[in-house]
Amino acid sequence: MERWLPFRRSRPDRVLDLVRRVAEARDPGEHGDGVEVVLEAPRTKWWRALFDRDDTLAQARIVVTRAGGEVRYPFDIQLVTAYGAGAAHRLGTRPGWAVSNSAGLAFVIQKGTHRTAFDFEELTMGAIAALAKLRRKPQERGWRVRVDRNVKRQ
């Protein structure tokens, strides 16, 4: 696993760079199941967490490559938050995106076809926007990102 890199919510260049590098490398990961770029929103302040009952970390796991290092649409973003499987449906939908509660996991999905050019900027901004909306008034600082090559899918 790679180390965490800090970034500001309004300056996602690091996240976008990691997503592009993983996609260009077509990295199959350590187990051949693909690679994810993991974003983490900062924890809420303790007094807000007390009232919102949300003291967990909130993650968005962008599935950049699939089995064998394949890069293709649709791109899945798994949301790991205190809302559990219901997190995706709290976001609503946007054009070109879908939400899903699959096998008890929450996903936001960027749709496209084999003719559509990859829009990694929209993918990155969609992941950050989803976490920000679920976090309600998130901080500008304290966000972090890393690459997870140790992905095992069933």
Protein backbone atom coordinates (compact mmCIF):
# COMPACT_ATOMS: atom_id res chain seq x y z
CA MET A 1 0.00 0.00 0.00
CA GLU A 2 1.18 3.44 -0.82
CA ARG A 3 1.43 6.25 1.69
CA TRP A 4 -1.28 8.86 2.19
CA LEU A 5 -0.85 12.19 0.39
CA PRO A 6 -2.66 15.26 1.73
CA PHE A 7 -4.69 17.55 -0.54
CA ARG A 8 -7.15 20.42 -0.23
CA ARG A 9 -10.72 19.79 -1.29
CA SER A 10 -10.61 22.75 -3.69
CA ARG A 11 -7.30 21.58 -5.25
CA PRO A 12 -7.70 17.95 -6.31
CA ASP A 13 -4.67 17.92 -8.67
CA ARG A 14 -2.94 15.16 -6.67
CA VAL A 15 -5.99 12.94 -6.86
CA LEU A 16 -6.42 13.50 -10.59
CA ASP A 17 -2.72 12.80 -11.16
CA LEU A 18 -2.92 9.49 -9.27
CA VAL A 19 -6.05 8.40 -11.17
CA ARG A 20 -4.41 9.19 -14.52
CA ARG A 21 -1.13 7.45 -13.61
CA VAL A 22 -2.90 4.26 -12.50
CA ALA A 23 -5.04 4.24 -15.67
CA GLU A 24 -2.06 4.84 -17.97
CA ALA A 25 -0.05 2.07 -16.28
CA ARG A 26 -3.01 -0.34 -16.62
CA ASP A 27 -1.83 -1.79 -13.34
CA PRO A 28 -3.57 -5.10 -12.49
CA GLY A 29 -2.63 -4.77 -8.80
CA GLU A 30 -1.00 -7.30 -6.51
CA HIS A 31 -3.76 -9.92 -6.89
CA GLY A 32 -4.71 -9.19 -10.52
CA ASP A 33 -8.10 -7.75 -9.50
CA GLY A 34 -7.30 -4.12 -10.24
CA VAL A 35 -6.24 -0.95 -8.45
CA GLU A 36 -8.26 1.66 -6.56
CA VAL A 37 -7.49 5.27 -5.72
CA VAL A 38 -8.78 5.88 -2.18
CA LEU A 39 -9.88 9.36 -1.03
CA GLU A 40 -10.55 10.11 2.59
CA ALA A 41 -12.46 13.10 3.94
CA PRO A 42 -11.32 14.57 7.25
CA ARG A 43 -13.09 13.45 10.39
CA THR A 44 -15.84 15.73 11.62
CA LYS A 45 -15.18 17.80 14.72
CA TRP A 46 -15.97 15.83 17.87
CA TRP A 47 -18.94 17.99 18.87
CA ARG A 48 -20.53 17.70 15.40
CA ALA A 49 -19.85 13.96 15.34
CA LEU A 50 -21.64 13.66 18.67
CA PHE A 51 -24.85 15.22 17.32
CA ASP A 52 -24.64 13.75 13.81
CA ARG A 53 -23.57 10.32 15.10
CA ASP A 54 -20.84 10.35 12.46
CA ASP A 55 -17.37 9.90 13.88
CA THR A 56 -16.13 7.48 11.24
CA LEU A 57 -13.82 8.23 8.37
CA ALA A 58 -15.53 8.69 5.04
CA GLN A 59 -13.87 7.10 2.01
CA ALA A 60 -14.46 7.05 -1.72
CA ARG A 61 -12.71 4.13 -3.43
CA ILE A 62 -12.39 4.85 -7.17
CA VAL A 63 -12.05 1.61 -9.16
CA VAL A 64 -9.56 2.77 -11.81
CA THR A 65 -8.44 -0.60 -13.18
CA ARG A 66 -10.24 -3.91 -13.14
CA ALA A 67 -9.05 -7.51 -13.49
CA GLY A 68 -5.90 -7.72 -15.59
CA GLY A 69 -5.44 -3.94 -15.52
CA GLU A 70 -8.40 -3.21 -17.80
CA VAL A 71 -9.53 0.44 -17.89
CA ARG A 72 -13.13 0.90 -19.09
CA TYR A 73 -16.52 2.38 -18.40
CA PRO A 74 -18.45 2.26 -16.17
CA PHE A 75 -16.18 3.55 -13.40
CA ASP A 76 -17.34 2.60 -9.92
CA ILE A 77 -16.79 4.64 -6.78
CA GLN A 78 -17.49 2.70 -3.60
CA LEU A 79 -18.58 4.92 -0.71
CA VAL A 80 -17.49 3.74 2.74
CA THR A 81 -19.28 5.98 5.25
CA ALA A 82 -21.39 5.90 8.39
CA TYR A 83 -24.47 5.76 6.11
CA GLY A 84 -23.52 2.28 4.89
CA ALA A 85 -25.35 0.97 1.83
CA GLY A 86 -27.77 3.92 1.85
CA ALA A 87 -25.05 6.50 1.20
CA ALA A 88 -25.39 6.52 -2.59
CA HIS A 89 -29.14 7.20 -2.50
CA ARG A 90 -28.58 10.24 -0.24
CA LEU A 91 -26.69 11.89 -3.11
CA GLY A 92 -29.31 11.86 -5.83
CA THR A 93 -28.29 11.49 -9.47
CA ARG A 94 -26.43 13.68 -11.94
CA PRO A 95 -26.36 13.42 -15.73
CA GLY A 96 -23.97 10.65 -16.77
CA TRP A 97 -23.98 9.08 -13.31
CA ALA A 98 -25.94 6.37 -11.51
CA VAL A 99 -26.20 5.31 -7.87
CA SER A 100 -26.47 1.77 -6.56
CA ASN A 101 -26.87 -0.22 -3.37
CA SER A 102 -25.34 -3.54 -4.40
CA ALA A 103 -24.71 -6.40 -1.96
CA GLY A 104 -24.98 -3.98 0.96
CA LEU A 105 -22.38 -1.59 -0.49
CA ALA A 106 -22.95 1.96 -1.75
CA PHE A 107 -21.71 2.89 -5.23
CA VAL A 108 -21.72 5.96 -7.43
CA ILE A 109 -21.13 5.00 -11.06
CA GLN A 110 -19.80 7.16 -13.90
CA LYS A 111 -21.41 5.89 -17.10
CA GLY A 112 -19.97 5.92 -20.60
CA THR A 113 -19.47 3.71 -23.64
CA HIS A 114 -16.44 2.30 -25.41
CA ARG A 115 -16.67 5.31 -27.75
CA THR A 116 -16.59 7.82 -24.90
CA ALA A 117 -13.21 9.30 -23.96
CA PHE A 118 -12.31 8.79 -20.31
CA ASP A 119 -13.16 11.85 -18.22
CA PHE A 120 -10.90 11.36 -15.22
CA GLU A 121 -11.41 14.95 -14.08
CA GLU A 122 -15.18 14.41 -13.80
CA LEU A 123 -14.55 11.06 -12.09
CA THR A 124 -12.27 12.69 -9.52
CA MET A 125 -14.59 15.65 -8.91
CA GLY A 126 -17.57 13.28 -8.62
CA ALA A 127 -15.85 11.30 -5.86
CA ILE A 128 -14.89 14.45 -3.94
CA ALA A 129 -18.38 15.95 -4.37
CA ALA A 130 -20.01 12.75 -3.10
CA LEU A 131 -17.89 12.70 0.06
CA ALA A 132 -18.39 16.43 0.61
CA LYS A 133 -22.18 16.10 0.36
CA LEU A 134 -22.26 13.15 2.75
CA ARG A 135 -19.95 14.92 5.22
CA ARG A 136 -22.05 18.13 5.28
CA LYS A 137 -19.84 21.22 5.48
CA PRO A 138 -16.49 19.40 5.24
CA GLN A 139 -13.24 21.14 5.98
CA GLU A 140 -11.03 22.44 3.18
CA ARG A 141 -7.92 20.83 4.66
CA GLY A 142 -7.35 17.37 6.04
CA TRP A 143 -8.28 15.39 2.93
CA ARG A 144 -5.93 12.63 1.82
CA VAL A 145 -5.46 10.16 -1.02
CA ARG A 146 -3.51 6.97 -1.73
CA VAL A 147 -3.32 4.13 -4.23
CA ASP A 148 -4.48 0.68 -3.11
CA ARG A 149 -2.87 -2.12 -5.15
CA ASN A 150 -3.93 -4.81 -2.65
CA VAL A 151 -7.52 -5.15 -3.94
CA LYS A 152 -9.26 -8.53 -3.80
CA ARG A 153 -12.61 -8.80 -5.55
CA GLN A 154 -14.98 -11.77 -5.37
